[in-house]
Amino acid sequence: MKRHNFKNLKIWQESIALVQETYNLVKSFPDSEKFNLVSQLTRCAVSIPSNIAEGTSKSTDKHFRTYLEASLGSSFEWETQIIIAYKEQYITKEKFEVLEEKVQQIQRMISKFIDSLS
């Protein structure tokens, strides 16, 4: 297996951008969500690029895929939480649609990368 420099991977770069957007987004959430939705959203967002980065250190494609799958799982969890934020009216429909498209693009990229390692 060829090891990847995670910082050069488009999926990692896009995931880092999602982390930044998440931190900016949750600043406007109610204080009552600080230890609930805010915490969940930020942890999931951080988990996406973190698992990609950790996976690049593994010596086999099989192990790398495991970390990519964890990253993909975190992205689906993040998407679920952004749906909740929208339903609770913490974000507008327009913002929700933009964020949903971004995370779904990341999900497609991660899935294709997983497939390429098979």
Protein backbone atom coordinates (compact mmCIF):
# COMPACT_ATOMS: atom_id res chain seq x y z
CA MET A 1 0.00 0.00 0.00
CA LYS A 2 1.18 3.47 -0.84
CA ARG A 3 0.81 5.78 2.15
CA HIS A 4 -1.00 9.03 1.48
CA ASN A 5 -0.18 12.48 2.79
CA PHE A 6 -3.54 13.27 4.37
CA LYS A 7 -3.06 17.03 3.93
CA ASN A 8 -2.98 16.54 0.15
CA LEU A 9 -6.22 14.53 0.06
CA LYS A 10 -9.22 16.49 -1.23
CA ILE A 11 -11.53 14.60 1.14
CA TRP A 12 -9.44 15.72 4.11
CA GLN A 13 -9.34 19.34 2.88
CA GLU A 14 -13.10 19.43 2.33
CA SER A 15 -13.66 17.86 5.75
CA ILE A 16 -11.48 20.47 7.43
CA ALA A 17 -13.57 23.16 5.74
CA LEU A 18 -16.70 21.49 7.16
CA VAL A 19 -15.15 21.57 10.64
CA GLN A 20 -14.52 25.29 10.33
CA GLU A 21 -18.04 25.89 9.07
CA THR A 22 -19.45 23.81 11.92
CA TYR A 23 -17.62 25.81 14.59
CA ASN A 24 -18.88 29.05 13.05
CA LEU A 25 -22.42 27.69 12.75
CA VAL A 26 -22.86 26.51 16.33
CA LYS A 27 -21.91 29.91 17.73
CA SER A 28 -25.48 30.98 16.96
CA PHE A 29 -27.15 27.97 18.64
CA PRO A 30 -28.92 28.46 21.97
CA ASP A 31 -26.87 28.06 25.15
CA SER A 32 -29.13 25.16 26.11
CA GLU A 33 -27.58 23.15 23.25
CA LYS A 34 -23.97 23.68 24.38
CA PHE A 35 -23.62 20.18 25.85
CA ASN A 36 -26.03 18.52 23.45
CA LEU A 37 -26.29 19.31 19.76
CA VAL A 38 -23.33 21.70 19.68
CA SER A 39 -21.09 19.10 21.28
CA GLN A 40 -22.33 16.33 18.98
CA LEU A 41 -21.97 18.41 15.82
CA THR A 42 -18.45 19.55 16.60
CA ARG A 43 -17.28 16.08 17.66
CA CYS A 44 -18.66 14.51 14.49
CA ALA A 45 -17.20 17.22 12.29
CA VAL A 46 -13.76 16.83 13.86
CA SER A 47 -14.01 13.04 13.59
CA ILE A 48 -14.37 13.11 9.79
CA PRO A 49 -10.91 14.51 8.87
CA SER A 50 -9.30 12.98 11.98
CA ASN A 51 -10.18 9.45 10.89
CA ILE A 52 -8.98 10.17 7.37
CA ALA A 53 -5.66 11.41 8.73
CA GLU A 54 -5.26 8.48 11.11
CA GLY A 55 -6.10 6.03 8.35
CA THR A 56 -3.25 7.28 6.18
CA SER A 57 -0.79 6.01 8.79
CA LYS A 58 -1.96 2.40 8.44
CA SER A 59 0.14 -0.12 6.57
CA THR A 60 -2.62 -1.80 4.57
CA ASP A 61 -5.52 -0.67 2.44
CA LYS A 62 -7.81 -2.83 4.56
CA HIS A 63 -6.90 -0.89 7.71
CA PHE A 64 -7.12 2.43 5.88
CA ARG A 65 -10.63 1.51 4.65
CA THR A 66 -11.69 0.90 8.26
CA TYR A 67 -10.80 4.49 9.15
CA LEU A 68 -12.44 5.84 6.02
CA GLU A 69 -15.60 3.93 6.95
CA ALA A 70 -15.49 5.50 10.43
CA SER A 71 -15.11 8.90 8.78
CA LEU A 72 -18.08 8.15 6.53
CA GLY A 73 -20.13 7.11 9.56
CA SER A 74 -19.30 10.38 11.31
CA SER A 75 -20.41 12.30 8.23
CA PHE A 76 -23.80 10.56 8.30
CA GLU A 77 -24.09 11.29 12.01
CA TRP A 78 -23.23 14.95 11.32
CA GLU A 79 -25.87 15.07 8.59
CA THR A 80 -28.47 13.70 11.00
CA GLN A 81 -27.62 16.36 13.55
CA ILE A 82 -27.84 19.15 10.99
CA ILE A 83 -31.31 17.84 10.10
CA ILE A 84 -32.22 18.11 13.78
CA ALA A 85 -30.79 21.64 13.92
CA TYR A 86 -32.94 22.59 10.95
CA LYS A 87 -36.07 21.00 12.42
CA GLU A 88 -35.44 22.87 15.68
CA GLN A 89 -35.15 26.06 13.59
CA TYR A 90 -31.57 26.78 14.62
CA ILE A 91 -30.66 27.19 10.94
CA THR A 92 -32.54 28.43 7.90
CA LYS A 93 -33.71 26.21 5.08
CA GLU A 94 -31.15 27.84 2.77
CA LYS A 95 -28.27 27.18 5.17
CA PHE A 96 -29.48 23.63 5.74
CA GLU A 97 -29.55 22.91 2.01
CA VAL A 98 -26.03 24.28 1.52
CA LEU A 99 -24.66 22.24 4.43
CA GLU A 100 -26.49 19.10 3.39
CA GLU A 101 -25.02 19.35 -0.11
CA LYS A 102 -21.52 19.86 1.31
CA VAL A 103 -21.69 16.84 3.57
CA GLN A 104 -23.23 14.68 0.86
CA GLN A 105 -20.39 15.66 -1.48
CA ILE A 106 -17.90 14.61 1.20
CA GLN A 107 -19.79 11.33 1.64
CA ARG A 108 -19.58 10.64 -2.11
CA MET A 109 -15.86 11.42 -2.13
CA ILE A 110 -15.14 9.15 0.85
CA SER A 111 -17.23 6.34 -0.67
CA LYS A 112 -15.37 6.58 -3.98
CA PHE A 113 -12.04 6.54 -2.16
CA ILE A 114 -13.10 3.45 -0.20
CA ASP A 115 -14.10 1.79 -3.47
CA SER A 116 -10.75 2.66 -5.03
CA LEU A 117 -8.94 0.83 -2.23
CA SER A 118 -10.97 -2.36 -2.72
